[in-house]
Amino acid sequence: MALSVDRRKRKRVPVHWPVRLFRLQGQSVESTTENLSSGGLYCITPVLFKPGEHLQCEITLPGESFGSSGLFLRLQCRIKVRRVERLLNGFGMGCEIEDYALLTESPLPAAEA
């Protein structure tokens, strides 16, 4: 039996932060990160995305974890879906972060999206 080789270049951190995924048509999907690194993220979504698909996303980080006086920090990212797997509770999705910007304003409540 062959062992699988972990090809990741960056350490993953198991964090469960809210993430909102946006398709180019404006449709948004809410999820939670399972883990995050400086180069990517993994989350579980109720919606099937395709490998190779480009999305925008917004990750809500707790401000106090980073010494911010604000309640939240928002990490806006441009991501590329690298892999998708069917799970019992949705679809597991591994994404590469292609670009990002850190914002310090409070996020919009889910109902206003």
PDB file of N, CA and C in Angstrom:
ATOM      1  N   MET A   1       0.845  -1.180   0.000  1.00  0.00           N
ATOM      2  CA  MET A   1       0.000   0.000   0.000  1.00  0.00           C
ATOM      3  C   MET A   1       0.896   1.250   0.000  1.00  0.00           C
ATOM      4  N   ALA A   2       0.636   2.160  -0.925  1.00  0.00           N
ATOM      5  CA  ALA A   2       1.423   3.377  -1.032  1.00  0.00           C
ATOM      6  C   ALA A   2       0.854   4.453  -0.111  1.00  0.00           C
ATOM      7  N   LEU A   3       1.716   5.198   0.512  1.00  0.00           N
ATOM      8  CA  LEU A   3       1.304   6.315   1.349  1.00  0.00           C
ATOM      9  C   LEU A   3       1.077   7.527   0.468  1.00  0.00           C
ATOM     10  N   SER A   4       0.039   8.302   0.784  1.00  0.00           N
ATOM     11  CA  SER A   4      -0.188   9.516   0.002  1.00  0.00           C
ATOM     12  C   SER A   4       0.829  10.574   0.430  1.00  0.00           C
ATOM     13  N   VAL A   5       1.289  11.324  -0.516  1.00  0.00           N
ATOM     14  CA  VAL A   5       2.278  12.359  -0.263  1.00  0.00           C
ATOM     15  C   VAL A   5       1.561  13.693  -0.144  1.00  0.00           C
ATOM     16  N   ASP A   6       1.829  14.407   0.920  1.00  0.00           N
ATOM     17  CA  ASP A   6       1.242  15.722   1.117  1.00  0.00           C
ATOM     18  C   ASP A   6       2.052  16.727   0.304  1.00  0.00           C
ATOM     19  N   ARG A   7       1.412  17.327  -0.699  1.00  0.00           N
ATOM     20  CA  ARG A   7       2.115  18.252  -1.590  1.00  0.00           C
ATOM     21  C   ARG A   7       2.008  19.708  -1.143  1.00  0.00           C
ATOM     22  N   ARG A   8       1.357  19.953  -0.034  1.00  0.00           N
ATOM     23  CA  ARG A   8       1.178  21.337   0.411  1.00  0.00           C
ATOM     24  C   ARG A   8       2.517  21.950   0.780  1.00  0.00           C
ATOM     25  N   LYS A   9       2.661  23.221   0.431  1.00  0.00           N
ATOM     26  CA  LYS A   9       3.909  23.930   0.700  1.00  0.00           C
ATOM     27  C   LYS A   9       3.827  24.769   1.961  1.00  0.00           C
ATOM     28  N   ARG A  10       2.602  25.023   2.441  1.00  0.00           N
ATOM     29  CA  ARG A  10       2.423  25.891   3.603  1.00  0.00           C
ATOM     30  C   ARG A  10       1.634  25.171   4.686  1.00  0.00           C
ATOM     31  N   LYS A  11       1.920  25.515   5.918  1.00  0.00           N
ATOM     32  CA  LYS A  11       1.245  24.895   7.068  1.00  0.00           C
ATOM     33  C   LYS A  11      -0.211  25.344   7.117  1.00  0.00           C
ATOM     34  N   ARG A  12      -1.094  24.395   7.333  1.00  0.00           N
ATOM     35  CA  ARG A  12      -2.517  24.687   7.482  1.00  0.00           C
ATOM     36  C   ARG A  12      -2.849  24.880   8.958  1.00  0.00           C
ATOM     37  N   VAL A  13      -3.769  25.789   9.219  1.00  0.00           N
ATOM     38  CA  VAL A  13      -4.223  26.046  10.583  1.00  0.00           C
ATOM     39  C   VAL A  13      -5.704  25.667  10.643  1.00  0.00           C
ATOM     40  N   PRO A  14      -6.087  24.816  11.586  1.00  0.00           N
ATOM     41  CA  PRO A  14      -7.493  24.417  11.682  1.00  0.00           C
ATOM     42  C   PRO A  14      -8.329  25.519  12.328  1.00  0.00           C
ATOM     43  N   VAL A  15      -8.898  26.388  11.515  1.00  0.00           N
ATOM     44  CA  VAL A  15      -9.750  27.478  12.011  1.00  0.00           C
ATOM     45  C   VAL A  15     -11.127  27.351  11.366  1.00  0.00           C
ATOM     46  N   HIS A  16     -12.135  27.730  12.116  1.00  0.00           N
ATOM     47  CA  HIS A  16     -13.517  27.631  11.646  1.00  0.00           C
ATOM     48  C   HIS A  16     -14.117  29.035  11.647  1.00  0.00           C
ATOM     49  N   TRP A  17     -13.816  29.764  10.575  1.00  0.00           N
ATOM     50  CA  TRP A  17     -14.268  31.142  10.425  1.00  0.00           C
ATOM     51  C   TRP A  17     -15.283  31.223   9.297  1.00  0.00           C
ATOM     52  N   PRO A  18     -16.258  32.128   9.431  1.00  0.00           N
ATOM     53  CA  PRO A  18     -17.250  32.291   8.369  1.00  0.00           C
ATOM     54  C   PRO A  18     -16.592  32.736   7.065  1.00  0.00           C
ATOM     55  N   VAL A  19     -17.056  32.149   5.975  1.00  0.00           N
ATOM     56  CA  VAL A  19     -16.573  32.533   4.646  1.00  0.00           C
ATOM     57  C   VAL A  19     -17.774  32.628   3.721  1.00  0.00           C
ATOM     58  N   ARG A  20     -17.790  33.658   2.917  1.00  0.00           N
ATOM     59  CA  ARG A  20     -18.839  33.847   1.915  1.00  0.00           C
ATOM     60  C   ARG A  20     -18.171  33.756   0.546  1.00  0.00           C
ATOM     61  N   LEU A  21     -18.676  32.870  -0.290  1.00  0.00           N
ATOM     62  CA  LEU A  21     -18.124  32.629  -1.625  1.00  0.00           C
ATOM     63  C   LEU A  21     -19.032  33.290  -2.656  1.00  0.00           C
ATOM     64  N   PHE A  22     -18.426  33.973  -3.621  1.00  0.00           N
ATOM     65  CA  PHE A  22     -19.186  34.691  -4.644  1.00  0.00           C
ATOM     66  C   PHE A  22     -18.788  34.208  -6.030  1.00  0.00           C
ATOM     67  N   ARG A  23     -19.786  33.790  -6.798  1.00  0.00           N
ATOM     68  CA  ARG A  23     -19.556  33.505  -8.216  1.00  0.00           C
ATOM     69  C   ARG A  23     -19.612  34.827  -8.962  1.00  0.00           C
ATOM     70  N   LEU A  24     -19.112  34.843 -10.168  1.00  0.00           N
ATOM     71  CA  LEU A  24     -19.087  36.078 -10.957  1.00  0.00           C
ATOM     72  C   LEU A  24     -20.491  36.619 -11.220  1.00  0.00           C
ATOM     73  N   GLN A  25     -21.496  35.765 -11.262  1.00  0.00           N
ATOM     74  CA  GLN A  25     -22.874  36.209 -11.505  1.00  0.00           C
ATOM     75  C   GLN A  25     -23.487  36.857 -10.269  1.00  0.00           C
ATOM     76  N   GLY A  26     -22.765  36.908  -9.162  1.00  0.00           N
ATOM     77  CA  GLY A  26     -23.266  37.566  -7.969  1.00  0.00           C
ATOM     78  C   GLY A  26     -23.874  36.631  -6.943  1.00  0.00           C
ATOM     79  N   GLN A  27     -24.117  35.365  -7.299  1.00  0.00           N
ATOM     80  CA  GLN A  27     -24.656  34.403  -6.338  1.00  0.00           C
ATOM     81  C   GLN A  27     -23.647  34.207  -5.214  1.00  0.00           C
ATOM     82  N   SER A  28     -24.126  34.209  -3.950  1.00  0.00           N
ATOM     83  CA  SER A  28     -23.209  33.970  -2.839  1.00  0.00           C
ATOM     84  C   SER A  28     -23.622  32.731  -2.067  1.00  0.00           C
ATOM     85  N   VAL A  29     -22.631  32.071  -1.497  1.00  0.00           N
ATOM     86  CA  VAL A  29     -22.826  30.858  -0.708  1.00  0.00           C
ATOM     87  C   VAL A  29     -22.074  31.051   0.601  1.00  0.00           C
ATOM     88  N   GLU A  30     -22.728  30.760   1.717  1.00  0.00           N
ATOM     89  CA  GLU A  30     -22.089  30.890   3.019  1.00  0.00           C
ATOM     90  C   GLU A  30     -21.542  29.543   3.467  1.00  0.00           C
ATOM     91  N   SER A  31     -20.389  29.567   4.095  1.00  0.00           N
ATOM     92  CA  SER A  31     -19.736  28.359   4.569  1.00  0.00           C
ATOM     93  C   SER A  31     -18.872  28.720   5.767  1.00  0.00           C
ATOM     94  N   THR A  32     -18.067  27.775   6.198  1.00  0.00           N
ATOM     95  CA  THR A  32     -17.102  27.965   7.271  1.00  0.00           C
ATOM     96  C   THR A  32     -15.811  27.296   6.857  1.00  0.00           C
ATOM     97  N   THR A  33     -14.698  27.958   7.117  1.00  0.00           N
ATOM     98  CA  THR A  33     -13.419  27.326   6.795  1.00  0.00           C
ATOM     99  C   THR A  33     -13.196  26.129   7.711  1.00  0.00           C
ATOM    100  N   GLU A  34     -12.567  25.118   7.184  1.00  0.00           N
ATOM    101  CA  GLU A  34     -12.132  23.973   7.980  1.00  0.00           C
ATOM    102  C   GLU A  34     -10.665  24.158   8.342  1.00  0.00           C
ATOM    103  N   ASN A  35      -9.908  24.708   7.379  1.00  0.00           N
ATOM    104  CA  ASN A  35      -8.515  25.072   7.628  1.00  0.00           C
ATOM    105  C   ASN A  35      -8.112  26.139   6.638  1.00  0.00           C
ATOM    106  N   LEU A  36      -7.009  26.802   6.975  1.00  0.00           N
ATOM    107  CA  LEU A  36      -6.561  27.959   6.213  1.00  0.00           C
ATOM    108  C   LEU A  36      -5.041  28.008   6.256  1.00  0.00           C
ATOM    109  N   SER A  37      -4.442  28.417   5.148  1.00  0.00           N
ATOM    110  CA  SER A  37      -3.006  28.673   5.111  1.00  0.00           C
ATOM    111  C   SER A  37      -2.810  29.974   4.352  1.00  0.00           C
ATOM    112  N   SER A  38      -1.575  30.408   4.240  1.00  0.00           N
ATOM    113  CA  SER A  38      -1.320  31.642   3.494  1.00  0.00           C
ATOM    114  C   SER A  38      -1.552  31.438   2.001  1.00  0.00           C
ATOM    115  N   GLY A  39      -1.653  30.192   1.560  1.00  0.00           N
ATOM    116  CA  GLY A  39      -1.842  29.928   0.142  1.00  0.00           C
ATOM    117  C   GLY A  39      -3.187  29.349  -0.238  1.00  0.00           C
ATOM    118  N   GLY A  40      -4.037  29.033   0.755  1.00  0.00           N
ATOM    119  CA  GLY A  40      -5.306  28.435   0.389  1.00  0.00           C
ATOM    120  C   GLY A  40      -6.217  28.186   1.564  1.00  0.00           C
ATOM    121  N   LEU A  41      -7.379  27.612   1.252  1.00  0.00           N
ATOM    122  CA  LEU A  41      -8.362  27.302   2.270  1.00  0.00           C
ATOM    123  C   LEU A  41      -9.127  26.050   1.870  1.00  0.00           C
ATOM    124  N   TYR A  42      -9.740  25.442   2.868  1.00  0.00           N
ATOM    125  CA  TYR A  42     -10.615  24.308   2.637  1.00  0.00           C
ATOM    126  C   TYR A  42     -11.901  24.587   3.391  1.00  0.00           C
ATOM    127  N   CYS A  43     -13.031  24.394   2.709  1.00  0.00           N
ATOM    128  CA  CYS A  43     -14.329  24.594   3.343  1.00  0.00           C
ATOM    129  C   CYS A  43     -15.302  23.554   2.803  1.00  0.00           C
ATOM    130  N   ILE A  44     -16.446  23.456   3.462  1.00  0.00           N
ATOM    131  CA  ILE A  44     -17.501  22.555   3.032  1.00  0.00           C
ATOM    132  C   ILE A  44     -18.690  23.420   2.642  1.00  0.00           C
ATOM    133  N   THR A  45     -19.207  23.208   1.428  1.00  0.00           N
ATOM    134  CA  THR A  45     -20.313  24.017   0.924  1.00  0.00           C
ATOM    135  C   THR A  45     -21.494  23.135   0.552  1.00  0.00           C
ATOM    136  N   PRO A  46     -22.691  23.704   0.577  1.00  0.00           N
ATOM    137  CA  PRO A  46     -23.859  22.953   0.124  1.00  0.00           C
ATOM    138  C   PRO A  46     -23.989  22.965  -1.406  1.00  0.00           C
ATOM    139  N   VAL A  47     -23.192  23.798  -2.053  1.00  0.00           N
ATOM    140  CA  VAL A  47     -23.269  23.995  -3.505  1.00  0.00           C
ATOM    141  C   VAL A  47     -22.033  23.407  -4.165  1.00  0.00           C
ATOM    142  N   LEU A  48     -22.238  22.768  -5.303  1.00  0.00           N
ATOM    143  CA  LEU A  48     -21.129  22.192  -6.058  1.00  0.00           C
ATOM    144  C   LEU A  48     -20.448  23.267  -6.893  1.00  0.00           C
ATOM    145  N   PHE A  49     -19.146  23.432  -6.697  1.00  0.00           N
ATOM    146  CA  PHE A  49     -18.325  24.292  -7.531  1.00  0.00           C
ATOM    147  C   PHE A  49     -17.433  23.390  -8.368  1.00  0.00           C
ATOM    148  N   LYS A  50     -16.931  23.906  -9.481  1.00  0.00           N
ATOM    149  CA  LYS A  50     -16.118  23.098 -10.385  1.00  0.00           C
ATOM    150  C   LYS A  50     -14.632  23.397 -10.196  1.00  0.00           C
ATOM    151  N   PRO A  51     -13.793  22.354 -10.236  1.00  0.00           N
ATOM    152  CA  PRO A  51     -12.342  22.610 -10.224  1.00  0.00           C
ATOM    153  C   PRO A  51     -11.978  23.543 -11.387  1.00  0.00           C
ATOM    154  N   GLY A  52     -11.129  24.518 -11.082  1.00  0.00           N
ATOM    155  CA  GLY A  52     -10.737  25.511 -12.080  1.00  0.00           C
ATOM    156  C   GLY A  52     -11.579  26.773 -12.041  1.00  0.00           C
ATOM    157  N   GLU A  53     -12.709  26.728 -11.354  1.00  0.00           N
ATOM    158  CA  GLU A  53     -13.594  27.891 -11.261  1.00  0.00           C
ATOM    159  C   GLU A  53     -12.940  28.977 -10.410  1.00  0.00           C
ATOM    160  N   HIS A  54     -13.071  30.221 -10.851  1.00  0.00           N
ATOM    161  CA  HIS A  54     -12.558  31.374 -10.102  1.00  0.00           C
ATOM    162  C   HIS A  54     -13.703  32.004  -9.328  1.00  0.00           C
ATOM    163  N   LEU A  55     -13.453  32.306  -8.061  1.00  0.00           N
ATOM    164  CA  LEU A  55     -14.451  32.888  -7.176  1.00  0.00           C
ATOM    165  C   LEU A  55     -13.841  34.056  -6.416  1.00  0.00           C
ATOM    166  N   GLN A  56     -14.710  34.886  -5.881  1.00  0.00           N
ATOM    167  CA  GLN A  56     -14.312  35.868  -4.881  1.00  0.00           C
ATOM    168  C   GLN A  56     -14.791  35.302  -3.553  1.00  0.00           C
ATOM    169  N   CYS A  57     -14.085  35.593  -2.483  1.00  0.00           N
ATOM    170  CA  CYS A  57     -14.568  35.163  -1.174  1.00  0.00           C
ATOM    171  C   CYS A  57     -14.217  36.207  -0.133  1.00  0.00           C
ATOM    172  N   GLU A  58     -14.954  36.141   0.958  1.00  0.00           N
ATOM    173  CA  GLU A  58     -14.707  37.035   2.084  1.00  0.00           C
ATOM    174  C   GLU A  58     -14.699  36.189   3.340  1.00  0.00           C
ATOM    175  N   ILE A  59     -13.567  36.171   4.013  1.00  0.00           N
ATOM    176  CA  ILE A  59     -13.409  35.426   5.255  1.00  0.00           C
ATOM    177  C   ILE A  59     -13.485  36.425   6.400  1.00  0.00           C
ATOM    178  N   THR A  60     -14.319  36.136   7.394  1.00  0.00           N
ATOM    179  CA  THR A  60     -14.461  37.011   8.556  1.00  0.00           C
ATOM    180  C   THR A  60     -13.587  36.473   9.676  1.00  0.00           C
ATOM    181  N   LEU A  61     -12.603  37.280  10.082  1.00  0.00           N
ATOM    182  CA  LEU A  61     -11.663  36.879  11.129  1.00  0.00           C
ATOM    183  C   LEU A  61     -11.961  37.654  12.399  1.00  0.00           C
ATOM    184  N   PRO A  62     -11.858  37.032  13.556  1.00  0.00           N
ATOM    185  CA  PRO A  62     -12.066  37.759  14.816  1.00  0.00           C
ATOM    186  C   PRO A  62     -10.929  38.758  15.032  1.00  0.00           C
ATOM    187  N   GLY A  63     -11.264  40.037  15.158  1.00  0.00           N
ATOM    188  CA  GLY A  63     -10.259  41.092  15.276  1.00  0.00           C
ATOM    189  C   GLY A  63      -9.337  40.948  16.467  1.00  0.00           C
ATOM    190  N   GLU A  64      -9.880  40.498  17.611  1.00  0.00           N
ATOM    191  CA  GLU A  64      -9.052  40.395  18.816  1.00  0.00           C
ATOM    192  C   GLU A  64      -7.941  39.363  18.653  1.00  0.00           C
ATOM    193  N   SER A  65      -8.118  38.405  17.774  1.00  0.00           N
ATOM    194  CA  SER A  65      -7.075  37.392  17.537  1.00  0.00           C
ATOM    195  C   SER A  65      -5.836  37.995  16.886  1.00  0.00           C
ATOM    196  N   PHE A  66      -6.015  39.179  16.291  1.00  0.00           N
ATOM    197  CA  PHE A  66      -4.909  39.811  15.572  1.00  0.00           C
ATOM    198  C   PHE A  66      -4.556  41.174  16.137  1.00  0.00           C
ATOM    199  N   GLY A  67      -5.008  41.449  17.357  1.00  0.00           N
ATOM    200  CA  GLY A  67      -4.670  42.710  18.008  1.00  0.00           C
ATOM    201  C   GLY A  67      -5.399  43.907  17.450  1.00  0.00           C
ATOM    202  N   SER A  68      -6.516  43.691  16.762  1.00  0.00           N
ATOM    203  CA  SER A  68      -7.279  44.789  16.180  1.00  0.00           C
ATOM    204  C   SER A  68      -8.312  45.282  17.190  1.00  0.00           C
ATOM    205  N   SER A  69      -8.563  46.575  17.171  1.00  0.00           N
ATOM    206  CA  SER A  69      -9.584  47.127  18.059  1.00  0.00           C
ATOM    207  C   SER A  69     -10.984  46.875  17.507  1.00  0.00           C
ATOM    208  N   GLY A  70     -11.087  46.551  16.213  1.00  0.00           N
ATOM    209  CA  GLY A  70     -12.392  46.249  15.626  1.00  0.00           C
ATOM    210  C   GLY A  70     -12.841  44.846  15.986  1.00  0.00           C
ATOM    211  N   LEU A  71     -14.145  44.620  15.919  1.00  0.00           N
ATOM    212  CA  LEU A  71     -14.674  43.295  16.230  1.00  0.00           C
ATOM    213  C   LEU A  71     -14.221  42.246  15.210  1.00  0.00           C
ATOM    214  N   PHE A  72     -14.169  42.669  13.956  1.00  0.00           N
ATOM    215  CA  PHE A  72     -13.838  41.739  12.889  1.00  0.00           C
ATOM    216  C   PHE A  72     -12.857  42.344  11.907  1.00  0.00           C
ATOM    217  N   LEU A  73     -12.122  41.467  11.262  1.00  0.00           N
ATOM    218  CA  LEU A  73     -11.324  41.824  10.092  1.00  0.00           C
ATOM    219  C   LEU A  73     -11.909  41.028   8.939  1.00  0.00           C
ATOM    220  N   ARG A  74     -11.884  41.586   7.763  1.00  0.00           N
ATOM    221  CA  ARG A  74     -12.376  40.855   6.586  1.00  0.00           C
ATOM    222  C   ARG A  74     -11.216  40.649   5.631  1.00  0.00           C
ATOM    223  N   LEU A  75     -11.065  39.418   5.226  1.00  0.00           N
ATOM    224  CA  LEU A  75     -10.052  39.073   4.238  1.00  0.00           C
ATOM    225  C   LEU A  75     -10.793  38.795   2.942  1.00  0.00           C
ATOM    226  N   GLN A  76     -10.652  39.715   1.983  1.00  0.00           N
ATOM    227  CA  GLN A  76     -11.280  39.526   0.678  1.00  0.00           C
ATOM    228  C   GLN A  76     -10.258  38.876  -0.236  1.00  0.00           C
ATOM    229  N   CYS A  77     -10.664  37.770  -0.846  1.00  0.00           N
ATOM    230  CA  CYS A  77      -9.733  36.978  -1.658  1.00  0.00           C
ATOM    231  C   CYS A  77     -10.296  36.686  -3.027  1.00  0.00           C
ATOM    232  N   ARG A  78      -9.391  36.542  -3.960  1.00  0.00           N
ATOM    233  CA  ARG A  78      -9.707  35.949  -5.255  1.00  0.00           C
ATOM    234  C   ARG A  78      -9.139  34.539  -5.167  1.00  0.00           C
ATOM    235  N   ILE A  79      -9.980  33.537  -5.378  1.00  0.00           N
ATOM    236  CA  ILE A  79      -9.539  32.151  -5.215  1.00  0.00           C
ATOM    237  C   ILE A  79      -9.825  31.331  -6.466  1.00  0.00           C
ATOM    238  N   LYS A  80      -9.109  30.223  -6.568  1.00  0.00           N
ATOM    239  CA  LYS A  80      -9.335  29.264  -7.650  1.00  0.00           C
ATOM    240  C   LYS A  80      -9.617  27.913  -7.002  1.00  0.00           C
ATOM    241  N   VAL A  81     -10.727  27.299  -7.403  1.00  0.00           N
ATOM    242  CA  VAL A  81     -11.084  25.981  -6.879  1.00  0.00           C
ATOM    243  C   VAL A  81     -10.102  24.967  -7.448  1.00  0.00           C
ATOM    244  N   ARG A  82      -9.406  24.264  -6.584  1.00  0.00           N
ATOM    245  CA  ARG A  82      -8.413  23.273  -7.004  1.00  0.00           C
ATOM    246  C   ARG A  82      -8.952  21.854  -6.966  1.00  0.00           C
ATOM    247  N   ARG A  83      -9.753  21.550  -5.942  1.00  0.00           N
ATOM    248  CA  ARG A  83     -10.321  20.198  -5.861  1.00  0.00           C
ATOM    249  C   ARG A  83     -11.655  20.246  -5.144  1.00  0.00           C
ATOM    250  N   VAL A  84     -12.513  19.296  -5.508  1.00  0.00           N
ATOM    251  CA  VAL A  84     -13.838  19.191  -4.906  1.00  0.00           C
ATOM    252  C   VAL A  84     -14.089  17.717  -4.620  1.00  0.00           C
ATOM    253  N   GLU A  85     -14.648  17.437  -3.441  1.00  0.00           N
ATOM    254  CA  GLU A  85     -14.995  16.060  -3.100  1.00  0.00           C
ATOM    255  C   GLU A  85     -16.403  16.016  -2.533  1.00  0.00           C
ATOM    256  N   ARG A  86     -17.150  14.996  -2.932  1.00  0.00           N
ATOM    257  CA  ARG A  86     -18.517  14.825  -2.437  1.00  0.00           C
ATOM    258  C   ARG A  86     -18.446  14.266  -1.014  1.00  0.00           C
ATOM    259  N   LEU A  87     -19.163  14.915  -0.093  1.00  0.00           N
ATOM    260  CA  LEU A  87     -19.227  14.491   1.309  1.00  0.00           C
ATOM    261  C   LEU A  87     -20.679  14.224   1.686  1.00  0.00           C
ATOM    262  N   LEU A  88     -20.907  13.635   2.828  1.00  0.00           N
ATOM    263  CA  LEU A  88     -22.275  13.389   3.286  1.00  0.00           C
ATOM    264  C   LEU A  88     -23.046  14.692   3.516  1.00  0.00           C
ATOM    265  N   ASN A  89     -22.343  15.725   3.974  1.00  0.00           N
ATOM    266  CA  ASN A  89     -22.994  16.994   4.310  1.00  0.00           C
ATOM    267  C   ASN A  89     -22.740  18.108   3.298  1.00  0.00           C
ATOM    268  N   GLY A  90     -22.369  17.770   2.077  1.00  0.00           N
ATOM    269  CA  GLY A  90     -22.129  18.788   1.057  1.00  0.00           C
ATOM    270  C   GLY A  90     -20.936  18.436   0.203  1.00  0.00           C
ATOM    271  N   PHE A  91     -20.139  19.448  -0.107  1.00  0.00           N
ATOM    272  CA  PHE A  91     -18.965  19.284  -0.965  1.00  0.00           C
ATOM    273  C   PHE A  91     -17.750  19.913  -0.286  1.00  0.00           C
ATOM    274  N   GLY A  92     -16.694  19.141  -0.130  1.00  0.00           N
ATOM    275  CA  GLY A  92     -15.445  19.675   0.394  1.00  0.00           C
ATOM    276  C   GLY A  92     -14.699  20.338  -0.743  1.00  0.00           C
ATOM    277  N   MET A  93     -14.184  21.528  -0.497  1.00  0.00           N
ATOM    278  CA  MET A  93     -13.571  22.301  -1.570  1.00  0.00           C
ATOM    279  C   MET A  93     -12.222  22.868  -1.121  1.00  0.00           C
ATOM    280  N   GLY A  94     -11.172  22.489  -1.827  1.00  0.00           N
ATOM    281  CA  GLY A  94      -9.845  23.036  -1.589  1.00  0.00           C
ATOM    282  C   GLY A  94      -9.573  24.132  -2.601  1.00  0.00           C
ATOM    283  N   CYS A  95      -9.194  25.308  -2.125  1.00  0.00           N
ATOM    284  CA  CYS A  95      -9.002  26.470  -2.998  1.00  0.00           C
ATOM    285  C   CYS A  95      -7.626  27.096  -2.797  1.00  0.00           C
ATOM    286  N   GLU A  96      -7.094  27.614  -3.875  1.00  0.00           N
ATOM    287  CA  GLU A  96      -5.841  28.369  -3.843  1.00  0.00           C
ATOM    288  C   GLU A  96      -6.172  29.853  -3.776  1.00  0.00           C
ATOM    289  N   ILE A  97      -5.530  30.571  -2.867  1.00  0.00           N
ATOM    290  CA  ILE A  97      -5.710  32.022  -2.784  1.00  0.00           C
ATOM    291  C   ILE A  97      -4.770  32.656  -3.798  1.00  0.00           C
ATOM    292  N   GLU A  98      -5.353  33.368  -4.765  1.00  0.00           N
ATOM    293  CA  GLU A  98      -4.547  34.006  -5.808  1.00  0.00           C
ATOM    294  C   GLU A  98      -4.185  35.443  -5.456  1.00  0.00           C
ATOM    295  N   ASP A  99      -5.070  36.117  -4.722  1.00  0.00           N
ATOM    296  CA  ASP A  99      -4.839  37.510  -4.337  1.00  0.00           C
ATOM    297  C   ASP A  99      -5.757  37.808  -3.157  1.00  0.00           C
ATOM    298  N   TYR A 100      -5.385  38.778  -2.329  1.00  0.00           N
ATOM    299  CA  TYR A 100      -6.225  39.113  -1.178  1.00  0.00           C
ATOM    300  C   TYR A 100      -5.998  40.545  -0.745  1.00  0.00           C
ATOM    301  N   ALA A 101      -6.960  41.055   0.021  1.00  0.00           N
ATOM    302  CA  ALA A 101      -6.866  42.374   0.648  1.00  0.00           C
ATOM    303  C   ALA A 101      -7.486  42.251   2.031  1.00  0.00           C
ATOM    304  N   LEU A 102      -6.879  42.890   3.016  1.00  0.00           N
ATOM    305  CA  LEU A 102      -7.375  42.866   4.384  1.00  0.00           C
ATOM    306  C   LEU A 102      -8.125  44.158   4.664  1.00  0.00           C
ATOM    307  N   LEU A 103      -9.380  44.033   5.089  1.00  0.00           N
ATOM    308  CA  LEU A 103     -10.205  45.190   5.417  1.00  0.00           C
ATOM    309  C   LEU A 103     -10.555  45.131   6.893  1.00  0.00           C
ATOM    310  N   THR A 104     -10.734  46.298   7.527  1.00  0.00           N
ATOM    311  CA  THR A 104     -10.993  46.317   8.963  1.00  0.00           C
ATOM    312  C   THR A 104     -12.414  46.713   9.317  1.00  0.00           C
ATOM    313  N   GLU A 105     -13.263  47.036   8.349  1.00  0.00           N
ATOM    314  CA  GLU A 105     -14.648  47.378   8.674  1.00  0.00           C
ATOM    315  C   GLU A 105     -15.383  46.118   9.105  1.00  0.00           C
ATOM    316  N   SER A 106     -16.482  46.304   9.828  1.00  0.00           N
ATOM    317  CA  SER A 106     -17.305  45.158  10.239  1.00  0.00           C
ATOM    318  C   SER A 106     -17.976  44.558   9.015  1.00  0.00           C
ATOM    319  N   PRO A 107     -18.175  43.238   9.002  1.00  0.00           N
ATOM    320  CA  PRO A 107     -18.829  42.603   7.860  1.00  0.00           C
ATOM    321  C   PRO A 107     -20.305  42.913   7.847  1.00  0.00           C
ATOM    322  N   LEU A 108     -20.912  42.779   6.669  1.00  0.00           N
ATOM    323  CA  LEU A 108     -22.352  42.934   6.556  1.00  0.00           C
ATOM    324  C   LEU A 108     -23.029  41.723   7.194  1.00  0.00           C
ATOM    325  N   PRO A 109     -24.119  41.929   7.918  1.00  0.00           N
ATOM    326  CA  PRO A 109     -24.867  40.779   8.424  1.00  0.00           C
ATOM    327  C   PRO A 109     -25.368  39.949   7.246  1.00  0.00           C
ATOM    328  N   ALA A 110     -25.528  38.657   7.452  1.00  0.00           N
ATOM    329  CA  ALA A 110     -25.898  37.738   6.376  1.00  0.00           C
ATOM    330  C   ALA A 110     -27.186  38.162   5.693  1.00  0.00           C
ATOM    331  N   ALA A 111     -28.144  38.723   6.417  1.00  0.00           N
ATOM    332  CA  ALA A 111     -29.431  39.098   5.839  1.00  0.00           C
ATOM    333  C   ALA A 111     -29.322  40.240   4.841  1.00  0.00           C
ATOM    334  N   GLU A 112     -28.265  41.051   4.930  1.00  0.00           N
ATOM    335  CA  GLU A 112     -28.115  42.199   4.033  1.00  0.00           C
ATOM    336  C   GLU A 112     -27.366  41.860   2.753  1.00  0.00           C
ATOM    337  N   ALA A 113     -26.847  40.660   2.653  1.00  0.00           N
ATOM    338  CA  ALA A 113     -26.039  40.293   1.484  1.00  0.00           C
ATOM    339  C   ALA A 113     -26.856  40.224   0.235  1.00  0.00           C
TER     340      ALA A 113
END
